[in-house]
């Protein structure tokens, strides 16, 4: 299941034609997988953000799997779109900048075990 839609990506890239839809769909899937690897997660973080909550008995409670009603965090979606743009535009000078911008958006949502950078 894709969390970022083709329509969202096309809007961000200001694309109106349909000729690149298959390519963009593959790039979305690739960018989502890269985001999950970067975050060290199996699901993208959703709102409300799953910051640990302490229950009345003192145990930590966290939503591990997003529910279908929770939207993916906007920064994460925007980072995925930036990763698609980095691969779609083909400009080697901008590619690294777009990737760095995406990772900066994702960093606050990385799980602790992933924060070895």
PDB file of N, CA and C in Angstrom:
ATOM      1  N   UNK A   1       0.840  -1.181   0.000  1.00  0.00           N
ATOM      2  CA  UNK A   1       0.000   0.000   0.000  1.00  0.00           C
ATOM      3  C   UNK A   1       0.887   1.247   0.000  1.00  0.00           C
ATOM      4  N   UNK A   2       0.600   2.145  -0.880  1.00  0.00           N
ATOM      5  CA  UNK A   2       1.368   3.383  -0.965  1.00  0.00           C
ATOM      6  C   UNK A   2       0.752   4.439  -0.050  1.00  0.00           C
ATOM      7  N   UNK A   3       1.617   5.147   0.652  1.00  0.00           N
ATOM      8  CA  UNK A   3       1.168   6.199   1.562  1.00  0.00           C
ATOM      9  C   UNK A   3       1.109   7.550   0.866  1.00  0.00           C
ATOM     10  N   UNK A   4       1.915   7.691  -0.168  1.00  0.00           N
ATOM     11  CA  UNK A   4       1.959   8.922  -0.948  1.00  0.00           C
ATOM     12  C   UNK A   4       1.304   8.624  -2.287  1.00  0.00           C
ATOM     13  N   UNK A   5       0.395   9.486  -2.697  1.00  0.00           N
ATOM     14  CA  UNK A   5      -0.349   9.215  -3.923  1.00  0.00           C
ATOM     15  C   UNK A   5       0.352   9.798  -5.141  1.00  0.00           C
ATOM     16  N   UNK A   6       0.047   9.221  -6.268  1.00  0.00           N
ATOM     17  CA  UNK A   6       0.551   9.732  -7.532  1.00  0.00           C
ATOM     18  C   UNK A   6       0.092  11.174  -7.727  1.00  0.00           C
ATOM     19  N   UNK A   7      -1.127  11.469  -7.339  1.00  0.00           N
ATOM     20  CA  UNK A   7      -1.658  12.835  -7.483  1.00  0.00           C
ATOM     21  C   UNK A   7      -0.844  13.830  -6.656  1.00  0.00           C
ATOM     22  N   UNK A   8      -0.456  13.440  -5.430  1.00  0.00           N
ATOM     23  CA  UNK A   8       0.360  14.326  -4.591  1.00  0.00           C
ATOM     24  C   UNK A   8       1.703  14.617  -5.253  1.00  0.00           C
ATOM     25  N   UNK A   9       2.321  13.584  -5.784  1.00  0.00           N
ATOM     26  CA  UNK A   9       3.630  13.745  -6.421  1.00  0.00           C
ATOM     27  C   UNK A   9       3.515  14.585  -7.677  1.00  0.00           C
ATOM     28  N   UNK A  10       2.516  14.313  -8.497  1.00  0.00           N
ATOM     29  CA  UNK A  10       2.348  15.083  -9.730  1.00  0.00           C
ATOM     30  C   UNK A  10       2.074  16.550  -9.427  1.00  0.00           C
ATOM     31  N   UNK A  11       1.313  16.817  -8.389  1.00  0.00           N
ATOM     32  CA  UNK A  11       1.056  18.198  -7.996  1.00  0.00           C
ATOM     33  C   UNK A  11       2.360  18.888  -7.578  1.00  0.00           C
ATOM     34  N   UNK A  12       3.164  18.207  -6.769  1.00  0.00           N
ATOM     35  CA  UNK A  12       4.424  18.785  -6.299  1.00  0.00           C
ATOM     36  C   UNK A  12       5.410  19.010  -7.443  1.00  0.00           C
ATOM     37  N   UNK A  13       5.403  18.100  -8.415  1.00  0.00           N
ATOM     38  CA  UNK A  13       6.298  18.217  -9.568  1.00  0.00           C
ATOM     39  C   UNK A  13       5.710  19.083 -10.681  1.00  0.00           C
ATOM     40  N   UNK A  14       4.479  19.524 -10.453  1.00  0.00           N
ATOM     41  CA  UNK A  14       3.751  20.320 -11.446  1.00  0.00           C
ATOM     42  C   UNK A  14       3.650  19.585 -12.792  1.00  0.00           C
ATOM     43  N   UNK A  15       3.307  18.300 -12.689  1.00  0.00           N
ATOM     44  CA  UNK A  15       3.144  17.450 -13.863  1.00  0.00           C
ATOM     45  C   UNK A  15       1.657  17.284 -14.163  1.00  0.00           C
ATOM     46  N   UNK A  16       1.302  17.467 -15.418  1.00  0.00           N
ATOM     47  CA  UNK A  16      -0.094  17.290 -15.804  1.00  0.00           C
ATOM     48  C   UNK A  16      -0.285  16.138 -16.784  1.00  0.00           C
ATOM     49  N   UNK A  17       0.777  15.742 -17.470  1.00  0.00           N
ATOM     50  CA  UNK A  17       0.648  14.652 -18.434  1.00  0.00           C
ATOM     51  C   UNK A  17       0.668  13.314 -17.706  1.00  0.00           C
ATOM     52  N   UNK A  18       0.221  12.288 -18.382  1.00  0.00           N
ATOM     53  CA  UNK A  18       0.155  10.952 -17.793  1.00  0.00           C
ATOM     54  C   UNK A  18       1.262  10.034 -18.285  1.00  0.00           C
ATOM     55  N   UNK A  19       2.104  10.505 -19.167  1.00  0.00           N
ATOM     56  CA  UNK A  19       3.103   9.641 -19.798  1.00  0.00           C
ATOM     57  C   UNK A  19       4.125   9.080 -18.809  1.00  0.00           C
ATOM     58  N   UNK A  20       4.366   9.749 -17.699  1.00  0.00           N
ATOM     59  CA  UNK A  20       5.354   9.287 -16.716  1.00  0.00           C
ATOM     60  C   UNK A  20       4.717   8.646 -15.480  1.00  0.00           C
ATOM     61  N   UNK A  21       3.440   8.352 -15.521  1.00  0.00           N
ATOM     62  CA  UNK A  21       2.752   7.817 -14.345  1.00  0.00           C
ATOM     63  C   UNK A  21       3.364   6.514 -13.844  1.00  0.00           C
ATOM     64  N   UNK A  22       3.722   5.599 -14.744  1.00  0.00           N
ATOM     65  CA  UNK A  22       4.317   4.328 -14.311  1.00  0.00           C
ATOM     66  C   UNK A  22       5.662   4.565 -13.635  1.00  0.00           C
ATOM     67  N   UNK A  23       6.482   5.419 -14.215  1.00  0.00           N
ATOM     68  CA  UNK A  23       7.774   5.754 -13.628  1.00  0.00           C
ATOM     69  C   UNK A  23       7.593   6.394 -12.255  1.00  0.00           C
ATOM     70  N   UNK A  24       6.700   7.358 -12.160  1.00  0.00           N
ATOM     71  CA  UNK A  24       6.471   8.035 -10.880  1.00  0.00           C
ATOM     72  C   UNK A  24       5.954   7.076  -9.817  1.00  0.00           C
ATOM     73  N   UNK A  25       5.107   6.140 -10.207  1.00  0.00           N
ATOM     74  CA  UNK A  25       4.582   5.146  -9.274  1.00  0.00           C
ATOM     75  C   UNK A  25       5.714   4.282  -8.732  1.00  0.00           C
ATOM     76  N   UNK A  26       6.643   3.860  -9.601  1.00  0.00           N
ATOM     77  CA  UNK A  26       7.798   3.080  -9.144  1.00  0.00           C
ATOM     78  C   UNK A  26       8.700   3.912  -8.240  1.00  0.00           C
ATOM     79  N   UNK A  27       8.895   5.180  -8.586  1.00  0.00           N
ATOM     80  CA  UNK A  27       9.738   6.051  -7.762  1.00  0.00           C
ATOM     81  C   UNK A  27       9.114   6.297  -6.387  1.00  0.00           C
ATOM     82  N   UNK A  28       7.797   6.390  -6.327  1.00  0.00           N
ATOM     83  CA  UNK A  28       7.109   6.545  -5.038  1.00  0.00           C
ATOM     84  C   UNK A  28       7.367   5.320  -4.170  1.00  0.00           C
ATOM     85  N   UNK A  29       7.197   4.131  -4.741  1.00  0.00           N
ATOM     86  CA  UNK A  29       7.415   2.890  -3.981  1.00  0.00           C
ATOM     87  C   UNK A  29       8.858   2.823  -3.477  1.00  0.00           C
ATOM     88  N   UNK A  30       9.800   3.173  -4.324  1.00  0.00           N
ATOM     89  CA  UNK A  30      11.210   3.157  -3.944  1.00  0.00           C
ATOM     90  C   UNK A  30      11.498   4.171  -2.838  1.00  0.00           C
ATOM     91  N   UNK A  31      10.949   5.367  -2.957  1.00  0.00           N
ATOM     92  CA  UNK A  31      11.172   6.414  -1.955  1.00  0.00           C
ATOM     93  C   UNK A  31      10.549   6.029  -0.612  1.00  0.00           C
ATOM     94  N   UNK A  32       9.385   5.399  -0.634  1.00  0.00           N
ATOM     95  CA  UNK A  32       8.754   4.950   0.616  1.00  0.00           C
ATOM     96  C   UNK A  32       9.599   3.873   1.285  1.00  0.00           C
ATOM     97  N   UNK A  33      10.138   2.947   0.502  1.00  0.00           N
ATOM     98  CA  UNK A  33      11.001   1.909   1.071  1.00  0.00           C
ATOM     99  C   UNK A  33      12.262   2.529   1.665  1.00  0.00           C
ATOM    100  N   UNK A  34      12.847   3.483   0.965  1.00  0.00           N
ATOM    101  CA  UNK A  34      14.040   4.149   1.480  1.00  0.00           C
ATOM    102  C   UNK A  34      13.733   4.903   2.768  1.00  0.00           C
ATOM    103  N   UNK A  35      12.580   5.541   2.824  1.00  0.00           N
ATOM    104  CA  UNK A  35      12.162   6.257   4.025  1.00  0.00           C
ATOM    105  C   UNK A  35      12.043   5.289   5.199  1.00  0.00           C
ATOM    106  N   UNK A  36      11.408   4.158   5.005  1.00  0.00           N
ATOM    107  CA  UNK A  36      11.247   3.173   6.073  1.00  0.00           C
ATOM    108  C   UNK A  36      12.603   2.677   6.565  1.00  0.00           C
ATOM    109  N   UNK A  37      13.533   2.411   5.630  1.00  0.00           N
ATOM    110  CA  UNK A  37      14.875   1.980   6.032  1.00  0.00           C
ATOM    111  C   UNK A  37      15.573   3.065   6.838  1.00  0.00           C
ATOM    112  N   UNK A  38      15.467   4.314   6.372  1.00  0.00           N
ATOM    113  CA  UNK A  38      16.100   5.430   7.076  1.00  0.00           C
ATOM    114  C   UNK A  38      15.535   5.575   8.483  1.00  0.00           C
ATOM    115  N   UNK A  39      14.225   5.444   8.600  1.00  0.00           N
ATOM    116  CA  UNK A  39      13.559   5.615   9.894  1.00  0.00           C
ATOM    117  C   UNK A  39      13.734   4.417  10.816  1.00  0.00           C
ATOM    118  N   UNK A  40      14.109   3.275  10.261  1.00  0.00           N
ATOM    119  CA  UNK A  40      14.203   2.067  11.070  1.00  0.00           C
ATOM    120  C   UNK A  40      12.836   1.577  11.502  1.00  0.00           C
ATOM    121  N   UNK A  41      11.848   1.747  10.644  1.00  0.00           N
ATOM    122  CA  UNK A  41      10.459   1.380  10.950  1.00  0.00           C
ATOM    123  C   UNK A  41       9.930   0.401   9.914  1.00  0.00           C
ATOM    124  N   UNK A  42       8.806  -0.219  10.261  1.00  0.00           N
ATOM    125  CA  UNK A  42       8.104  -1.065   9.299  1.00  0.00           C
ATOM    126  C   UNK A  42       6.864  -0.361   8.765  1.00  0.00           C
ATOM    127  N   UNK A  43       6.439   0.703   9.439  1.00  0.00           N
ATOM    128  CA  UNK A  43       5.295   1.517   9.015  1.00  0.00           C
ATOM    129  C   UNK A  43       5.689   2.980   9.149  1.00  0.00           C
ATOM    130  N   UNK A  44       5.147   3.816   8.290  1.00  0.00           N
ATOM    131  CA  UNK A  44       5.435   5.244   8.381  1.00  0.00           C
ATOM    132  C   UNK A  44       4.712   5.846   9.585  1.00  0.00           C
ATOM    133  N   UNK A  45       5.324   6.827  10.245  1.00  0.00           N
ATOM    134  CA  UNK A  45       4.683   7.444  11.418  1.00  0.00           C
ATOM    135  C   UNK A  45       3.447   8.224  11.011  1.00  0.00           C
ATOM    136  N   UNK A  46       2.448   8.161  11.865  1.00  0.00           N
ATOM    137  CA  UNK A  46       1.180   8.823  11.584  1.00  0.00           C
ATOM    138  C   UNK A  46       0.859   9.842  12.664  1.00  0.00           C
ATOM    139  N   UNK A  47      -0.124  10.651  12.382  1.00  0.00           N
ATOM    140  CA  UNK A  47      -0.643  11.590  13.373  1.00  0.00           C
ATOM    141  C   UNK A  47      -1.852  10.956  14.037  1.00  0.00           C
ATOM    142  N   UNK A  48      -2.043  11.061  15.319  1.00  0.00           N
ATOM    143  CA  UNK A  48      -1.112  11.743  16.200  1.00  0.00           C
ATOM    144  C   UNK A  48       0.215  10.999  16.229  1.00  0.00           C
ATOM    145  N   UNK A  49       1.294  11.743  16.282  1.00  0.00           N
ATOM    146  CA  UNK A  49       2.625  11.149  16.270  1.00  0.00           C
ATOM    147  C   UNK A  49       2.748  10.199  17.442  1.00  0.00           C
ATOM    148  N   UNK A  50       3.341   9.043  17.194  1.00  0.00           N
ATOM    149  CA  UNK A  50       3.411   7.997  18.207  1.00  0.00           C
ATOM    150  C   UNK A  50       4.519   8.235  19.217  1.00  0.00           C
ATOM    151  N   UNK A  51       4.563   9.408  19.825  1.00  0.00           N
ATOM    152  CA  UNK A  51       5.513   9.609  20.906  1.00  0.00           C
ATOM    153  C   UNK A  51       5.093   8.708  22.055  1.00  0.00           C
ATOM    154  N   UNK A  52       6.054   8.139  22.758  1.00  0.00           N
ATOM    155  CA  UNK A  52       5.679   7.234  23.856  1.00  0.00           C
ATOM    156  C   UNK A  52       4.802   7.939  24.890  1.00  0.00           C
ATOM    157  N   UNK A  53       3.791   7.242  25.312  1.00  0.00           N
ATOM    158  CA  UNK A  53       2.866   7.743  26.324  1.00  0.00           C
ATOM    159  C   UNK A  53       2.961   6.803  27.517  1.00  0.00           C
ATOM    160  N   UNK A  54       2.995   7.353  28.706  1.00  0.00           N
ATOM    161  CA  UNK A  54       3.056   6.531  29.921  1.00  0.00           C
ATOM    162  C   UNK A  54       1.640   6.329  30.421  1.00  0.00           C
ATOM    163  N   UNK A  55       1.273   5.072  30.589  1.00  0.00           N
ATOM    164  CA  UNK A  55      -0.073   4.757  31.082  1.00  0.00           C
ATOM    165  C   UNK A  55      -0.121   4.928  32.595  1.00  0.00           C
ATOM    166  N   UNK A  56      -1.295   4.762  33.178  1.00  0.00           N
ATOM    167  CA  UNK A  56      -1.480   4.957  34.616  1.00  0.00           C
ATOM    168  C   UNK A  56      -0.675   3.965  35.455  1.00  0.00           C
ATOM    169  N   UNK A  57      -0.346   2.798  34.875  1.00  0.00           N
ATOM    170  CA  UNK A  57       0.460   1.824  35.629  1.00  0.00           C
ATOM    171  C   UNK A  57       1.961   2.013  35.417  1.00  0.00           C
ATOM    172  N   UNK A  58       2.349   3.061  34.680  1.00  0.00           N
ATOM    173  CA  UNK A  58       3.760   3.379  34.478  1.00  0.00           C
ATOM    174  C   UNK A  58       4.397   2.725  33.275  1.00  0.00           C
ATOM    175  N   UNK A  59       3.640   1.904  32.546  1.00  0.00           N
ATOM    176  CA  UNK A  59       4.210   1.258  31.363  1.00  0.00           C
ATOM    177  C   UNK A  59       4.110   2.193  30.158  1.00  0.00           C
ATOM    178  N   UNK A  60       5.028   1.977  29.219  1.00  0.00           N
ATOM    179  CA  UNK A  60       5.015   2.782  28.005  1.00  0.00           C
ATOM    180  C   UNK A  60       3.970   2.245  27.041  1.00  0.00           C
ATOM    181  N   UNK A  61       3.218   3.159  26.452  1.00  0.00           N
ATOM    182  CA  UNK A  61       2.199   2.806  25.485  1.00  0.00           C
ATOM    183  C   UNK A  61       2.536   3.565  24.205  1.00  0.00           C
ATOM    184  N   UNK A  62       2.554   2.864  23.088  1.00  0.00           N
ATOM    185  CA  UNK A  62       2.846   3.508  21.814  1.00  0.00           C
ATOM    186  C   UNK A  62       2.063   2.804  20.723  1.00  0.00           C
ATOM    187  N   UNK A  63       1.591   3.571  19.777  1.00  0.00           N
ATOM    188  CA  UNK A  63       0.883   2.986  18.643  1.00  0.00           C
ATOM    189  C   UNK A  63       1.929   2.450  17.677  1.00  0.00           C
ATOM    190  N   UNK A  64       2.031   1.140  17.562  1.00  0.00           N
ATOM    191  CA  UNK A  64       3.054   0.532  16.716  1.00  0.00           C
ATOM    192  C   UNK A  64       2.638   0.510  15.250  1.00  0.00           C
ATOM    193  N   UNK A  65       1.374   0.299  14.990  1.00  0.00           N
ATOM    194  CA  UNK A  65       0.882   0.211  13.623  1.00  0.00           C
ATOM    195  C   UNK A  65      -0.139   1.310  13.408  1.00  0.00           C
ATOM    196  N   UNK A  66       0.070   2.137  12.362  1.00  0.00           N
ATOM    197  CA  UNK A  66      -0.894   3.217  12.144  1.00  0.00           C
ATOM    198  C   UNK A  66      -2.258   2.657  11.783  1.00  0.00           C
ATOM    199  N   UNK A  67      -3.282   3.348  12.209  1.00  0.00           N
ATOM    200  CA  UNK A  67      -4.622   2.939  11.807  1.00  0.00           C
ATOM    201  C   UNK A  67      -4.945   3.613  10.486  1.00  0.00           C
ATOM    202  N   UNK A  68      -5.910   3.079   9.780  1.00  0.00           N
ATOM    203  CA  UNK A  68      -6.240   3.610   8.465  1.00  0.00           C
ATOM    204  C   UNK A  68      -6.765   5.039   8.543  1.00  0.00           C
ATOM    205  N   UNK A  69      -7.234   5.444   9.710  1.00  0.00           N
ATOM    206  CA  UNK A  69      -7.763   6.791   9.844  1.00  0.00           C
ATOM    207  C   UNK A  69      -6.721   7.843  10.166  1.00  0.00           C
ATOM    208  N   UNK A  70      -5.507   7.416  10.485  1.00  0.00           N
ATOM    209  CA  UNK A  70      -4.453   8.355  10.851  1.00  0.00           C
ATOM    210  C   UNK A  70      -3.630   8.735   9.625  1.00  0.00           C
ATOM    211  N   UNK A  71      -3.493  10.027   9.351  1.00  0.00           N
ATOM    212  CA  UNK A  71      -2.673  10.422   8.201  1.00  0.00           C
ATOM    213  C   UNK A  71      -1.192  10.304   8.528  1.00  0.00           C
ATOM    214  N   UNK A  72      -0.396   9.998   7.507  1.00  0.00           N
ATOM    215  CA  UNK A  72       1.054   9.975   7.665  1.00  0.00           C
ATOM    216  C   UNK A  72       1.511  11.402   7.931  1.00  0.00           C
ATOM    217  N   UNK A  73       2.502  11.548   8.798  1.00  0.00           N
ATOM    218  CA  UNK A  73       3.046  12.858   9.167  1.00  0.00           C
ATOM    219  C   UNK A  73       3.438  13.626   7.896  1.00  0.00           C
ATOM    220  N   UNK A  74       3.022  14.887   7.815  1.00  0.00           N
ATOM    221  CA  UNK A  74       3.246  15.700   6.606  1.00  0.00           C
ATOM    222  C   UNK A  74       4.726  15.819   6.252  1.00  0.00           C
ATOM    223  N   UNK A  75       5.599  15.963   7.244  1.00  0.00           N
ATOM    224  CA  UNK A  75       7.035  16.049   6.956  1.00  0.00           C
ATOM    225  C   UNK A  75       7.549  14.779   6.285  1.00  0.00           C
ATOM    226  N   UNK A  76       7.032  13.640   6.686  1.00  0.00           N
ATOM    227  CA  UNK A  76       7.448  12.375   6.097  1.00  0.00           C
ATOM    228  C   UNK A  76       6.974  12.295   4.649  1.00  0.00           C
ATOM    229  N   UNK A  77       5.726  12.687   4.404  1.00  0.00           N
ATOM    230  CA  UNK A  77       5.191  12.705   3.039  1.00  0.00           C
ATOM    231  C   UNK A  77       6.016  13.645   2.163  1.00  0.00           C
ATOM    232  N   UNK A  78       6.297  14.839   2.668  1.00  0.00           N
ATOM    233  CA  UNK A  78       7.082  15.794   1.881  1.00  0.00           C
ATOM    234  C   UNK A  78       8.486  15.276   1.605  1.00  0.00           C
ATOM    235  N   UNK A  79       9.074  14.573   2.562  1.00  0.00           N
ATOM    236  CA  UNK A  79      10.384  13.981   2.334  1.00  0.00           C
ATOM    237  C   UNK A  79      10.346  12.915   1.246  1.00  0.00           C
ATOM    238  N   UNK A  80       9.306  12.105   1.234  1.00  0.00           N
ATOM    239  CA  UNK A  80       9.156  11.086   0.188  1.00  0.00           C
ATOM    240  C   UNK A  80       9.015  11.755  -1.169  1.00  0.00           C
ATOM    241  N   UNK A  81       8.241  12.811  -1.233  1.00  0.00           N
ATOM    242  CA  UNK A  81       8.082  13.538  -2.498  1.00  0.00           C
ATOM    243  C   UNK A  81       9.425  14.113  -2.958  1.00  0.00           C
ATOM    244  N   UNK A  82      10.215  14.640  -2.020  1.00  0.00           N
ATOM    245  CA  UNK A  82      11.545  15.145  -2.375  1.00  0.00           C
ATOM    246  C   UNK A  82      12.434  14.033  -2.924  1.00  0.00           C
ATOM    247  N   UNK A  83      12.333  12.836  -2.353  1.00  0.00           N
ATOM    248  CA  UNK A  83      13.128  11.710  -2.849  1.00  0.00           C
ATOM    249  C   UNK A  83      12.692  11.314  -4.259  1.00  0.00           C
ATOM    250  N   UNK A  84      11.396  11.360  -4.516  1.00  0.00           N
ATOM    251  CA  UNK A  84      10.908  11.086  -5.874  1.00  0.00           C
ATOM    252  C   UNK A  84      11.466  12.133  -6.822  1.00  0.00           C
ATOM    253  N   UNK A  85      11.393  13.386  -6.427  1.00  0.00           N
ATOM    254  CA  UNK A  85      11.910  14.466  -7.267  1.00  0.00           C
ATOM    255  C   UNK A  85      13.401  14.295  -7.526  1.00  0.00           C
ATOM    256  N   UNK A  86      14.154  13.880  -6.518  1.00  0.00           N
ATOM    257  CA  UNK A  86      15.603  13.687  -6.670  1.00  0.00           C
ATOM    258  C   UNK A  86      15.910  12.672  -7.765  1.00  0.00           C
ATOM    259  N   UNK A  87      15.120  11.603  -7.830  1.00  0.00           N
ATOM    260  CA  UNK A  87      15.349  10.583  -8.847  1.00  0.00           C
ATOM    261  C   UNK A  87      14.691  10.923 -10.179  1.00  0.00           C
ATOM    262  N   UNK A  88      13.617  11.655 -10.159  1.00  0.00           N
ATOM    263  CA  UNK A  88      12.866  11.979 -11.380  1.00  0.00           C
ATOM    264  C   UNK A  88      13.537  13.074 -12.196  1.00  0.00           C
ATOM    265  N   UNK A  89      13.997  14.119 -11.538  1.00  0.00           N
ATOM    266  CA  UNK A  89      14.561  15.259 -12.260  1.00  0.00           C
ATOM    267  C   UNK A  89      15.863  14.919 -12.967  1.00  0.00           C
ATOM    268  N   UNK A  90      16.657  14.056 -12.385  1.00  0.00           N
ATOM    269  CA  UNK A  90      17.898  13.655 -13.029  1.00  0.00           C
ATOM    270  C   UNK A  90      19.001  14.700 -12.989  1.00  0.00           C
ATOM    271  N   UNK A  91      18.857  15.729 -12.176  1.00  0.00           N
ATOM    272  CA  UNK A  91      19.886  16.758 -12.049  1.00  0.00           C
ATOM    273  C   UNK A  91      20.849  16.324 -10.952  1.00  0.00           C
ATOM    274  N   UNK A  92      22.070  15.904 -11.314  1.00  0.00           N
ATOM    275  CA  UNK A  92      22.985  15.385 -10.292  1.00  0.00           C
ATOM    276  C   UNK A  92      23.368  16.417  -9.238  1.00  0.00           C
ATOM    277  N   UNK A  93      23.378  17.694  -9.586  1.00  0.00           N
ATOM    278  CA  UNK A  93      23.724  18.726  -8.615  1.00  0.00           C
ATOM    279  C   UNK A  93      22.637  18.896  -7.559  1.00  0.00           C
ATOM    280  N   UNK A  94      21.386  18.762  -7.972  1.00  0.00           N
ATOM    281  CA  UNK A  94      20.269  18.922  -7.039  1.00  0.00           C
ATOM    282  C   UNK A  94      19.939  17.635  -6.282  1.00  0.00           C
ATOM    283  N   UNK A  95      20.338  16.496  -6.835  1.00  0.00           N
ATOM    284  CA  UNK A  95      19.955  15.215  -6.235  1.00  0.00           C
ATOM    285  C   UNK A  95      20.394  15.120  -4.781  1.00  0.00           C
ATOM    286  N   UNK A  96      21.659  15.407  -4.501  1.00  0.00           N
ATOM    287  CA  UNK A  96      22.147  15.312  -3.123  1.00  0.00           C
ATOM    288  C   UNK A  96      21.445  16.304  -2.207  1.00  0.00           C
ATOM    289  N   UNK A  97      21.169  17.492  -2.705  1.00  0.00           N
ATOM    290  CA  UNK A  97      20.482  18.499  -1.885  1.00  0.00           C
ATOM    291  C   UNK A  97      19.057  18.061  -1.560  1.00  0.00           C
ATOM    292  N   UNK A  98      18.369  17.501  -2.536  1.00  0.00           N
ATOM    293  CA  UNK A  98      17.003  17.027  -2.308  1.00  0.00           C
ATOM    294  C   UNK A  98      16.993  15.868  -1.317  1.00  0.00           C
ATOM    295  N   UNK A  99      17.953  14.951  -1.448  1.00  0.00           N
ATOM    296  CA  UNK A  99      18.039  13.816  -0.539  1.00  0.00           C
ATOM    297  C   UNK A  99      18.346  14.282   0.883  1.00  0.00           C
ATOM    298  N   UNK A 100      19.244  15.234   1.022  1.00  0.00           N
ATOM    299  CA  UNK A 100      19.564  15.764   2.350  1.00  0.00           C
ATOM    300  C   UNK A 100      18.347  16.453   2.974  1.00  0.00           C
ATOM    301  N   UNK A 101      17.610  17.179   2.155  1.00  0.00           N
ATOM    302  CA  UNK A 101      16.409  17.849   2.658  1.00  0.00           C
ATOM    303  C   UNK A 101      15.378  16.817   3.113  1.00  0.00           C
ATOM    304  N   UNK A 102      15.215  15.740   2.350  1.00  0.00           N
ATOM    305  CA  UNK A 102      14.274  14.677   2.729  1.00  0.00           C
ATOM    306  C   UNK A 102      14.689  14.046   4.052  1.00  0.00           C
ATOM    307  N   UNK A 103      15.956  13.718   4.188  1.00  0.00           N
ATOM    308  CA  UNK A 103      16.434  13.080   5.414  1.00  0.00           C
ATOM    309  C   UNK A 103      16.304  14.009   6.621  1.00  0.00           C
ATOM    310  N   UNK A 104      16.477  15.307   6.409  1.00  0.00           N
ATOM    311  CA  UNK A 104      16.299  16.265   7.504  1.00  0.00           C
ATOM    312  C   UNK A 104      14.839  16.278   7.969  1.00  0.00           C
ATOM    313  N   UNK A 105      13.909  16.140   7.041  1.00  0.00           N
ATOM    314  CA  UNK A 105      12.494  16.075   7.410  1.00  0.00           C
ATOM    315  C   UNK A 105      12.176  14.783   8.162  1.00  0.00           C
ATOM    316  N   UNK A 106      12.837  13.696   7.784  1.00  0.00           N
ATOM    317  CA  UNK A 106      12.560  12.389   8.384  1.00  0.00           C
ATOM    318  C   UNK A 106      13.212  12.198   9.750  1.00  0.00           C
ATOM    319  N   UNK A 107      14.343  12.831   9.986  1.00  0.00           N
ATOM    320  CA  UNK A 107      15.156  12.550  11.166  1.00  0.00           C
ATOM    321  C   UNK A 107      14.376  12.561  12.491  1.00  0.00           C
ATOM    322  N   UNK A 108      13.480  13.531  12.734  1.00  0.00           N
ATOM    323  CA  UNK A 108      12.780  13.516  14.030  1.00  0.00           C
ATOM    324  C   UNK A 108      11.905  12.285  14.258  1.00  0.00           C
ATOM    325  N   UNK A 109      11.614  11.523  13.208  1.00  0.00           N
ATOM    326  CA  UNK A 109      10.717  10.378  13.319  1.00  0.00           C
ATOM    327  C   UNK A 109      11.463   9.047  13.287  1.00  0.00           C
ATOM    328  N   UNK A 110      12.796   9.110  13.232  1.00  0.00           N
ATOM    329  CA  UNK A 110      13.594   7.882  13.247  1.00  0.00           C
ATOM    330  C   UNK A 110      13.536   7.263  14.635  1.00  0.00           C
ATOM    331  N   UNK A 111      13.487   5.945  14.673  1.00  0.00           N
ATOM    332  CA  UNK A 111      13.469   5.265  15.969  1.00  0.00           C
ATOM    333  C   UNK A 111      14.870   5.299  16.570  1.00  0.00           C
ATOM    334  N   UNK A 112      14.944   5.234  17.881  1.00  0.00           N
ATOM    335  CA  UNK A 112      16.221   5.388  18.593  1.00  0.00           C
ATOM    336  C   UNK A 112      17.308   4.452  18.088  1.00  0.00           C
ATOM    337  N   UNK A 113      16.975   3.211  17.790  1.00  0.00           N
ATOM    338  CA  UNK A 113      17.983   2.258  17.335  1.00  0.00           C
ATOM    339  C   UNK A 113      18.616   2.701  16.015  1.00  0.00           C
ATOM    340  N   UNK A 114      17.928   3.522  15.275  1.00  0.00           N
ATOM    341  CA  UNK A 114      18.407   3.978  13.962  1.00  0.00           C
ATOM    342  C   UNK A 114      19.342   5.180  14.099  1.00  0.00           C
ATOM    343  N   UNK A 115      19.338   5.846  15.223  1.00  0.00           N
ATOM    344  CA  UNK A 115      20.054   7.109  15.369  1.00  0.00           C
ATOM    345  C   UNK A 115      21.541   6.919  15.637  1.00  0.00           C
ATOM    346  N   UNK A 116      22.191   6.115  14.832  1.00  0.00           N
ATOM    347  CA  UNK A 116      23.624   5.905  14.952  1.00  0.00           C
ATOM    348  C   UNK A 116      24.405   6.799  14.031  1.00  0.00           C
ATOM    349  N   UNK A 117      23.719   7.609  13.247  1.00  0.00           N
ATOM    350  CA  UNK A 117      24.371   8.457  12.237  1.00  0.00           C
ATOM    351  C   UNK A 117      25.408   9.361  12.826  1.00  0.00           C
TER     352      UNK A 117
END
